[in-house]
Amino acid sequence: MNHHWQLQEAKARFSELVKCAKTDGPQIITYHGVDAAVILSIEDFRQLEGNRPTLKDILLSGPKLSDGDVDLLNERSRDLGREHAF
């Protein structure tokens, strides 16, 4: 079965589109002949979401820093910038 739907057809046959996403896989919607959106079954969507790490996971997977390294990163320059000639 064709997995591409023109926007007008997708709107007119939305229930069928959703059923096809569930039974036949992702359905692509085109707008003016260009791929514009995808309809996924909830199962496909959850599978994609389940594989994506959270921001917390990403941050915690970074390099471990010693207290000394953290102190160096947090050290601020005492430079006050350019002098103003007012």
PDB file of N, CA and C in Angstrom:
ATOM      1  N   MET A   1       0.845  -1.195   0.000  1.00  0.00           N
ATOM      2  CA  MET A   1       0.000   0.000   0.000  1.00  0.00           C
ATOM      3  C   MET A   1       0.880   1.244   0.000  1.00  0.00           C
ATOM      4  N   ASN A   2       0.411   2.286  -0.642  1.00  0.00           N
ATOM      5  CA  ASN A   2       1.135   3.551  -0.723  1.00  0.00           C
ATOM      6  C   ASN A   2       1.170   4.221   0.651  1.00  0.00           C
ATOM      7  N   HIS A   3       2.328   4.653   1.078  1.00  0.00           N
ATOM      8  CA  HIS A   3       2.489   5.288   2.386  1.00  0.00           C
ATOM      9  C   HIS A   3       2.548   6.803   2.280  1.00  0.00           C
ATOM     10  N   HIS A   4       2.276   7.354   1.106  1.00  0.00           N
ATOM     11  CA  HIS A   4       2.267   8.806   0.917  1.00  0.00           C
ATOM     12  C   HIS A   4       0.830   9.283   0.708  1.00  0.00           C
ATOM     13  N   TRP A   5       0.489  10.347   1.374  1.00  0.00           N
ATOM     14  CA  TRP A   5      -0.846  10.932   1.282  1.00  0.00           C
ATOM     15  C   TRP A   5      -0.710  12.426   1.008  1.00  0.00           C
ATOM     16  N   GLN A   6      -1.478  12.917   0.055  1.00  0.00           N
ATOM     17  CA  GLN A   6      -1.558  14.363  -0.125  1.00  0.00           C
ATOM     18  C   GLN A   6      -2.360  14.915   1.051  1.00  0.00           C
ATOM     19  N   LEU A   7      -2.061  16.122   1.466  1.00  0.00           N
ATOM     20  CA  LEU A   7      -2.702  16.711   2.635  1.00  0.00           C
ATOM     21  C   LEU A   7      -4.226  16.662   2.546  1.00  0.00           C
ATOM     22  N   GLN A   8      -4.782  17.054   1.404  1.00  0.00           N
ATOM     23  CA  GLN A   8      -6.242  17.051   1.251  1.00  0.00           C
ATOM     24  C   GLN A   8      -6.808  15.648   1.441  1.00  0.00           C
ATOM     25  N   GLU A   9      -6.133  14.651   0.869  1.00  0.00           N
ATOM     26  CA  GLU A   9      -6.584  13.268   0.998  1.00  0.00           C
ATOM     27  C   GLU A   9      -6.459  12.808   2.455  1.00  0.00           C
ATOM     28  N   ALA A  10      -5.374  13.170   3.114  1.00  0.00           N
ATOM     29  CA  ALA A  10      -5.174  12.794   4.514  1.00  0.00           C
ATOM     30  C   ALA A  10      -6.264  13.381   5.401  1.00  0.00           C
ATOM     31  N   LYS A  11      -6.650  14.621   5.133  1.00  0.00           N
ATOM     32  CA  LYS A  11      -7.717  15.254   5.914  1.00  0.00           C
ATOM     33  C   LYS A  11      -9.053  14.560   5.674  1.00  0.00           C
ATOM     34  N   ALA A  12      -9.327  14.240   4.428  1.00  0.00           N
ATOM     35  CA  ALA A  12     -10.611  13.630   4.080  1.00  0.00           C
ATOM     36  C   ALA A  12     -10.728  12.193   4.583  1.00  0.00           C
ATOM     37  N   ARG A  13      -9.592  11.505   4.698  1.00  0.00           N
ATOM     38  CA  ARG A  13      -9.614  10.086   5.067  1.00  0.00           C
ATOM     39  C   ARG A  13      -8.770   9.831   6.323  1.00  0.00           C
ATOM     40  N   PHE A  14      -8.891  10.733   7.281  1.00  0.00           N
ATOM     41  CA  PHE A  14      -8.024  10.686   8.455  1.00  0.00           C
ATOM     42  C   PHE A  14      -8.130   9.374   9.228  1.00  0.00           C
ATOM     43  N   SER A  15      -9.333   8.866   9.432  1.00  0.00           N
ATOM     44  CA  SER A  15      -9.495   7.598  10.162  1.00  0.00           C
ATOM     45  C   SER A  15      -8.749   6.473   9.468  1.00  0.00           C
ATOM     46  N   GLU A  16      -8.854   6.425   8.151  1.00  0.00           N
ATOM     47  CA  GLU A  16      -8.133   5.399   7.391  1.00  0.00           C
ATOM     48  C   GLU A  16      -6.627   5.604   7.508  1.00  0.00           C
ATOM     49  N   LEU A  17      -6.187   6.841   7.476  1.00  0.00           N
ATOM     50  CA  LEU A  17      -4.767   7.178   7.620  1.00  0.00           C
ATOM     51  C   LEU A  17      -4.224   6.652   8.948  1.00  0.00           C
ATOM     52  N   VAL A  18      -4.965   6.867  10.024  1.00  0.00           N
ATOM     53  CA  VAL A  18      -4.538   6.406  11.344  1.00  0.00           C
ATOM     54  C   VAL A  18      -4.475   4.879  11.379  1.00  0.00           C
ATOM     55  N   LYS A  19      -5.475   4.229  10.795  1.00  0.00           N
ATOM     56  CA  LYS A  19      -5.471   2.754  10.755  1.00  0.00           C
ATOM     57  C   LYS A  19      -4.278   2.237   9.957  1.00  0.00           C
ATOM     58  N   CYS A  20      -3.950   2.887   8.860  1.00  0.00           N
ATOM     59  CA  CYS A  20      -2.802   2.475   8.044  1.00  0.00           C
ATOM     60  C   CYS A  20      -1.493   2.657   8.810  1.00  0.00           C
ATOM     61  N   ALA A  21      -1.405   3.705   9.595  1.00  0.00           N
ATOM     62  CA  ALA A  21      -0.191   3.926  10.399  1.00  0.00           C
ATOM     63  C   ALA A  21      -0.020   2.784  11.395  1.00  0.00           C
ATOM     64  N   LYS A  22      -1.129   2.310  11.923  1.00  0.00           N
ATOM     65  CA  LYS A  22      -1.064   1.221  12.902  1.00  0.00           C
ATOM     66  C   LYS A  22      -0.733  -0.118  12.243  1.00  0.00           C
ATOM     67  N   THR A  23      -1.271  -0.376  11.058  1.00  0.00           N
ATOM     68  CA  THR A  23      -1.077  -1.688  10.433  1.00  0.00           C
ATOM     69  C   THR A  23       0.074  -1.738   9.434  1.00  0.00           C
ATOM     70  N   ASP A  24       0.336  -0.625   8.735  1.00  0.00           N
ATOM     71  CA  ASP A  24       1.319  -0.639   7.644  1.00  0.00           C
ATOM     72  C   ASP A  24       2.584   0.163   7.934  1.00  0.00           C
ATOM     73  N   GLY A  25       2.654   0.805   9.095  1.00  0.00           N
ATOM     74  CA  GLY A  25       3.833   1.594   9.415  1.00  0.00           C
ATOM     75  C   GLY A  25       3.627   3.076   9.171  1.00  0.00           C
ATOM     76  N   PRO A  26       4.673   3.863   9.338  1.00  0.00           N
ATOM     77  CA  PRO A  26       4.577   5.326   9.212  1.00  0.00           C
ATOM     78  C   PRO A  26       3.970   5.763   7.877  1.00  0.00           C
ATOM     79  N   GLN A  27       3.131   6.792   7.949  1.00  0.00           N
ATOM     80  CA  GLN A  27       2.462   7.347   6.779  1.00  0.00           C
ATOM     81  C   GLN A  27       2.942   8.778   6.576  1.00  0.00           C
ATOM     82  N   ILE A  28       3.394   9.075   5.374  1.00  0.00           N
ATOM     83  CA  ILE A  28       3.959  10.389   5.065  1.00  0.00           C
ATOM     84  C   ILE A  28       2.890  11.265   4.421  1.00  0.00           C
ATOM     85  N   ILE A  29       2.776  12.487   4.906  1.00  0.00           N
ATOM     86  CA  ILE A  29       1.828  13.453   4.351  1.00  0.00           C
ATOM     87  C   ILE A  29       2.623  14.490   3.578  1.00  0.00           C
ATOM     88  N   THR A  30       2.189  14.734   2.343  1.00  0.00           N
ATOM     89  CA  THR A  30       2.867  15.718   1.509  1.00  0.00           C
ATOM     90  C   THR A  30       2.037  16.994   1.415  1.00  0.00           C
ATOM     91  N   TYR A  31       2.741  18.094   1.254  1.00  0.00           N
ATOM     92  CA  TYR A  31       2.104  19.405   1.089  1.00  0.00           C
ATOM     93  C   TYR A  31       2.753  20.050  -0.123  1.00  0.00           C
ATOM     94  N   HIS A  32       1.974  20.283  -1.148  1.00  0.00           N
ATOM     95  CA  HIS A  32       2.476  20.792  -2.431  1.00  0.00           C
ATOM     96  C   HIS A  32       3.579  19.889  -2.979  1.00  0.00           C
ATOM     97  N   GLY A  33       3.393  18.581  -2.831  1.00  0.00           N
ATOM     98  CA  GLY A  33       4.326  17.614  -3.384  1.00  0.00           C
ATOM     99  C   GLY A  33       5.596  17.385  -2.584  1.00  0.00           C
ATOM    100  N   VAL A  34       5.714  18.034  -1.427  1.00  0.00           N
ATOM    101  CA  VAL A  34       6.903  17.910  -0.592  1.00  0.00           C
ATOM    102  C   VAL A  34       6.531  17.199   0.710  1.00  0.00           C
ATOM    103  N   ASP A  35       7.352  16.227   1.134  1.00  0.00           N
ATOM    104  CA  ASP A  35       7.100  15.551   2.396  1.00  0.00           C
ATOM    105  C   ASP A  35       7.045  16.585   3.514  1.00  0.00           C
ATOM    106  N   ALA A  36       5.940  16.552   4.306  1.00  0.00           N
ATOM    107  CA  ALA A  36       5.756  17.585   5.317  1.00  0.00           C
ATOM    108  C   ALA A  36       5.550  17.035   6.725  1.00  0.00           C
ATOM    109  N   ALA A  37       4.997  15.841   6.854  1.00  0.00           N
ATOM    110  CA  ALA A  37       4.707  15.301   8.185  1.00  0.00           C
ATOM    111  C   ALA A  37       4.626  13.785   8.097  1.00  0.00           C
ATOM    112  N   VAL A  38       4.694  13.162   9.272  1.00  0.00           N
ATOM    113  CA  VAL A  38       4.588  11.708   9.358  1.00  0.00           C
ATOM    114  C   VAL A  38       3.595  11.363  10.454  1.00  0.00           C
ATOM    115  N   ILE A  39       2.718  10.423  10.161  1.00  0.00           N
ATOM    116  CA  ILE A  39       1.804   9.878  11.156  1.00  0.00           C
ATOM    117  C   ILE A  39       2.347   8.516  11.565  1.00  0.00           C
ATOM    118  N   LEU A  40       2.569   8.340  12.876  1.00  0.00           N
ATOM    119  CA  LEU A  40       3.096   7.090  13.419  1.00  0.00           C
ATOM    120  C   LEU A  40       2.061   6.430  14.304  1.00  0.00           C
ATOM    121  N   SER A  41       2.147   5.120  14.410  1.00  0.00           N
ATOM    122  CA  SER A  41       1.341   4.435  15.419  1.00  0.00           C
ATOM    123  C   SER A  41       1.922   4.804  16.776  1.00  0.00           C
ATOM    124  N   ILE A  42       1.128   4.650  17.815  1.00  0.00           N
ATOM    125  CA  ILE A  42       1.618   4.963  19.158  1.00  0.00           C
ATOM    126  C   ILE A  42       2.762   4.034  19.532  1.00  0.00           C
ATOM    127  N   GLU A  43       2.727   2.806  19.050  1.00  0.00           N
ATOM    128  CA  GLU A  43       3.810   1.863  19.332  1.00  0.00           C
ATOM    129  C   GLU A  43       5.131   2.351  18.738  1.00  0.00           C
ATOM    130  N   ASP A  44       5.085   2.780  17.469  1.00  0.00           N
ATOM    131  CA  ASP A  44       6.295   3.306  16.825  1.00  0.00           C
ATOM    132  C   ASP A  44       6.805   4.545  17.552  1.00  0.00           C
ATOM    133  N   PHE A  45       5.877   5.420  17.940  1.00  0.00           N
ATOM    134  CA  PHE A  45       6.255   6.644  18.637  1.00  0.00           C
ATOM    135  C   PHE A  45       6.922   6.326  19.973  1.00  0.00           C
ATOM    136  N   ARG A  46       6.338   5.424  20.742  1.00  0.00           N
ATOM    137  CA  ARG A  46       6.902   5.070  22.048  1.00  0.00           C
ATOM    138  C   ARG A  46       8.269   4.414  21.900  1.00  0.00           C
ATOM    139  N   GLN A  47       8.443   3.638  20.846  1.00  0.00           N
ATOM    140  CA  GLN A  47       9.745   3.022  20.609  1.00  0.00           C
ATOM    141  C   GLN A  47      10.797   4.096  20.350  1.00  0.00           C
ATOM    142  N   LEU A  48      10.440   5.098  19.558  1.00  0.00           N
ATOM    143  CA  LEU A  48      11.370   6.202  19.301  1.00  0.00           C
ATOM    144  C   LEU A  48      11.666   6.985  20.582  1.00  0.00           C
ATOM    145  N   GLU A  49      10.636   7.279  21.343  1.00  0.00           N
ATOM    146  CA  GLU A  49      10.807   8.045  22.572  1.00  0.00           C
ATOM    147  C   GLU A  49      11.621   7.272  23.602  1.00  0.00           C
ATOM    148  N   GLY A  50      11.448   5.962  23.648  1.00  0.00           N
ATOM    149  CA  GLY A  50      12.144   5.149  24.631  1.00  0.00           C
ATOM    150  C   GLY A  50      13.638   5.097  24.398  1.00  0.00           C
ATOM    151  N   ASN A  51      14.074   5.291  23.177  1.00  0.00           N
ATOM    152  CA  ASN A  51      15.496   5.226  22.850  1.00  0.00           C
ATOM    153  C   ASN A  51      16.207   6.561  23.012  1.00  0.00           C
ATOM    154  N   ARG A  52      15.456   7.613  23.258  1.00  0.00           N
ATOM    155  CA  ARG A  52      16.065   8.940  23.343  1.00  0.00           C
ATOM    156  C   ARG A  52      16.466   9.240  24.787  1.00  0.00           C
ATOM    157  N   PRO A  53      17.734   9.557  25.021  1.00  0.00           N
ATOM    158  CA  PRO A  53      18.146   9.857  26.395  1.00  0.00           C
ATOM    159  C   PRO A  53      17.557  11.191  26.854  1.00  0.00           C
ATOM    160  N   THR A  54      17.329  11.289  28.145  1.00  0.00           N
ATOM    161  CA  THR A  54      16.844  12.548  28.713  1.00  0.00           C
ATOM    162  C   THR A  54      18.018  13.503  28.887  1.00  0.00           C
ATOM    163  N   LEU A  55      17.733  14.760  29.106  1.00  0.00           N
ATOM    164  CA  LEU A  55      18.787  15.746  29.361  1.00  0.00           C
ATOM    165  C   LEU A  55      19.592  15.326  30.588  1.00  0.00           C
ATOM    166  N   LYS A  56      18.914  14.818  31.595  1.00  0.00           N
ATOM    167  CA  LYS A  56      19.604  14.352  32.804  1.00  0.00           C
ATOM    168  C   LYS A  56      20.609  13.257  32.451  1.00  0.00           C
ATOM    169  N   ASP A  57      20.193  12.287  31.627  1.00  0.00           N
ATOM    170  CA  ASP A  57      21.091  11.203  31.217  1.00  0.00           C
ATOM    171  C   ASP A  57      22.328  11.754  30.500  1.00  0.00           C
ATOM    172  N   ILE A  58      22.100  12.716  29.620  1.00  0.00           N
ATOM    173  CA  ILE A  58      23.211  13.305  28.856  1.00  0.00           C
ATOM    174  C   ILE A  58      24.184  14.019  29.782  1.00  0.00           C
ATOM    175  N   LEU A  59      23.643  14.817  30.701  1.00  0.00           N
ATOM    176  CA  LEU A  59      24.510  15.566  31.618  1.00  0.00           C
ATOM    177  C   LEU A  59      25.286  14.632  32.541  1.00  0.00           C
ATOM    178  N   LEU A  60      24.632  13.588  33.014  1.00  0.00           N
ATOM    179  CA  LEU A  60      25.311  12.671  33.926  1.00  0.00           C
ATOM    180  C   LEU A  60      26.324  11.777  33.224  1.00  0.00           C
ATOM    181  N   SER A  61      26.233  11.667  31.903  1.00  0.00           N
ATOM    182  CA  SER A  61      27.172  10.816  31.175  1.00  0.00           C
ATOM    183  C   SER A  61      28.458  11.562  30.800  1.00  0.00           C
ATOM    184  N   GLY A  62      28.524  12.842  31.117  1.00  0.00           N
ATOM    185  CA  GLY A  62      29.693  13.640  30.782  1.00  0.00           C
ATOM    186  C   GLY A  62      30.894  13.279  31.645  1.00  0.00           C
ATOM    187  N   PRO A  63      32.012  13.930  31.384  1.00  0.00           N
ATOM    188  CA  PRO A  63      33.230  13.617  32.145  1.00  0.00           C
ATOM    189  C   PRO A  63      33.066  14.011  33.614  1.00  0.00           C
ATOM    190  N   LYS A  64      33.672  13.221  34.464  1.00  0.00           N
ATOM    191  CA  LYS A  64      33.653  13.514  35.906  1.00  0.00           C
ATOM    192  C   LYS A  64      34.786  14.490  36.192  1.00  0.00           C
ATOM    193  N   LEU A  65      34.490  15.525  36.950  1.00  0.00           N
ATOM    194  CA  LEU A  65      35.483  16.548  37.270  1.00  0.00           C
ATOM    195  C   LEU A  65      35.845  16.484  38.743  1.00  0.00           C
ATOM    196  N   SER A  66      37.111  16.670  39.016  1.00  0.00           N
ATOM    197  CA  SER A  66      37.552  16.730  40.411  1.00  0.00           C
ATOM    198  C   SER A  66      37.132  18.076  40.995  1.00  0.00           C
ATOM    199  N   ASP A  67      37.188  18.174  42.313  1.00  0.00           N
ATOM    200  CA  ASP A  67      36.839  19.444  42.955  1.00  0.00           C
ATOM    201  C   ASP A  67      37.759  20.567  42.479  1.00  0.00           C
ATOM    202  N   GLY A  68      39.028  20.235  42.249  1.00  0.00           N
ATOM    203  CA  GLY A  68      39.981  21.238  41.759  1.00  0.00           C
ATOM    204  C   GLY A  68      39.603  21.741  40.375  1.00  0.00           C
ATOM    205  N   ASP A  69      39.175  20.824  39.495  1.00  0.00           N
ATOM    206  CA  ASP A  69      38.747  21.225  38.144  1.00  0.00           C
ATOM    207  C   ASP A  69      37.513  22.120  38.213  1.00  0.00           C
ATOM    208  N   VAL A  70      36.598  21.783  39.094  1.00  0.00           N
ATOM    209  CA  VAL A  70      35.386  22.597  39.253  1.00  0.00           C
ATOM    210  C   VAL A  70      35.759  23.982  39.747  1.00  0.00           C
ATOM    211  N   ASP A  71      36.681  24.046  40.691  1.00  0.00           N
ATOM    212  CA  ASP A  71      37.125  25.357  41.197  1.00  0.00           C
ATOM    213  C   ASP A  71      37.748  26.189  40.084  1.00  0.00           C
ATOM    214  N   LEU A  72      38.554  25.544  39.210  1.00  0.00           N
ATOM    215  CA  LEU A  72      39.166  26.272  38.093  1.00  0.00           C
ATOM    216  C   LEU A  72      38.112  26.798  37.128  1.00  0.00           C
ATOM    217  N   LEU A  73      37.103  25.986  36.857  1.00  0.00           N
ATOM    218  CA  LEU A  73      36.039  26.413  35.938  1.00  0.00           C
ATOM    219  C   LEU A  73      35.222  27.565  36.516  1.00  0.00           C
ATOM    220  N   ASN A  74      35.077  27.571  37.830  1.00  0.00           N
ATOM    221  CA  ASN A  74      34.256  28.601  38.469  1.00  0.00           C
ATOM    222  C   ASN A  74      35.043  29.856  38.819  1.00  0.00           C
ATOM    223  N   GLU A  75      36.348  29.820  38.628  1.00  0.00           N
ATOM    224  CA  GLU A  75      37.182  30.982  38.947  1.00  0.00           C
ATOM    225  C   GLU A  75      36.869  32.119  37.984  1.00  0.00           C
ATOM    226  N   ARG A  76      36.668  33.286  38.538  1.00  0.00           N
ATOM    227  CA  ARG A  76      36.324  34.437  37.709  1.00  0.00           C
ATOM    228  C   ARG A  76      37.543  35.345  37.546  1.00  0.00           C
ATOM    229  N   SER A  77      37.625  35.929  36.376  1.00  0.00           N
ATOM    230  CA  SER A  77      38.713  36.870  36.116  1.00  0.00           C
ATOM    231  C   SER A  77      38.491  38.131  36.945  1.00  0.00           C
ATOM    232  N   ARG A  78      39.578  38.693  37.437  1.00  0.00           N
ATOM    233  CA  ARG A  78      39.487  39.943  38.214  1.00  0.00           C
ATOM    234  C   ARG A  78      39.577  41.161  37.287  1.00  0.00           C
ATOM    235  N   ASP A  79      39.745  40.914  35.992  1.00  0.00           N
ATOM    236  CA  ASP A  79      39.821  41.979  34.988  1.00  0.00           C
ATOM    237  C   ASP A  79      38.479  42.697  34.934  1.00  0.00           C
ATOM    238  N   LEU A  80      38.493  43.984  35.051  1.00  0.00           N
ATOM    239  CA  LEU A  80      37.255  44.774  35.046  1.00  0.00           C
ATOM    240  C   LEU A  80      36.903  45.278  33.638  1.00  0.00           C
ATOM    241  N   GLY A  81      37.680  44.889  32.657  1.00  0.00           N
ATOM    242  CA  GLY A  81      37.373  45.319  31.316  1.00  0.00           C
ATOM    243  C   GLY A  81      38.086  46.605  30.953  1.00  0.00           C
ATOM    244  N   ARG A  82      37.629  47.259  29.905  1.00  0.00           N
ATOM    245  CA  ARG A  82      38.277  48.501  29.466  1.00  0.00           C
ATOM    246  C   ARG A  82      37.955  49.650  30.410  1.00  0.00           C
ATOM    247  N   GLU A  83      38.899  50.570  30.476  1.00  0.00           N
ATOM    248  CA  GLU A  83      38.637  51.778  31.267  1.00  0.00           C
ATOM    249  C   GLU A  83      37.797  52.713  30.414  1.00  0.00           C
ATOM    250  N   HIS A  84      36.842  53.333  31.039  1.00  0.00           N
ATOM    251  CA  HIS A  84      35.988  54.285  30.326  1.00  0.00           C
ATOM    252  C   HIS A  84      36.575  55.688  30.421  1.00  0.00           C
ATOM    253  N   ALA A  85      36.586  56.396  29.317  1.00  0.00           N
ATOM    254  CA  ALA A  85      37.113  57.760  29.288  1.00  0.00           C
ATOM    255  C   ALA A  85      35.933  58.719  29.246  1.00  0.00           C
ATOM    256  N   PHE A  86      35.356  58.946  30.411  1.00  0.00           N
ATOM    257  CA  PHE A  86      34.217  59.885  30.475  1.00  0.00           C
ATOM    258  C   PHE A  86      34.634  61.197  31.040  1.00  0.00           C
TER     259      PHE A  86
END
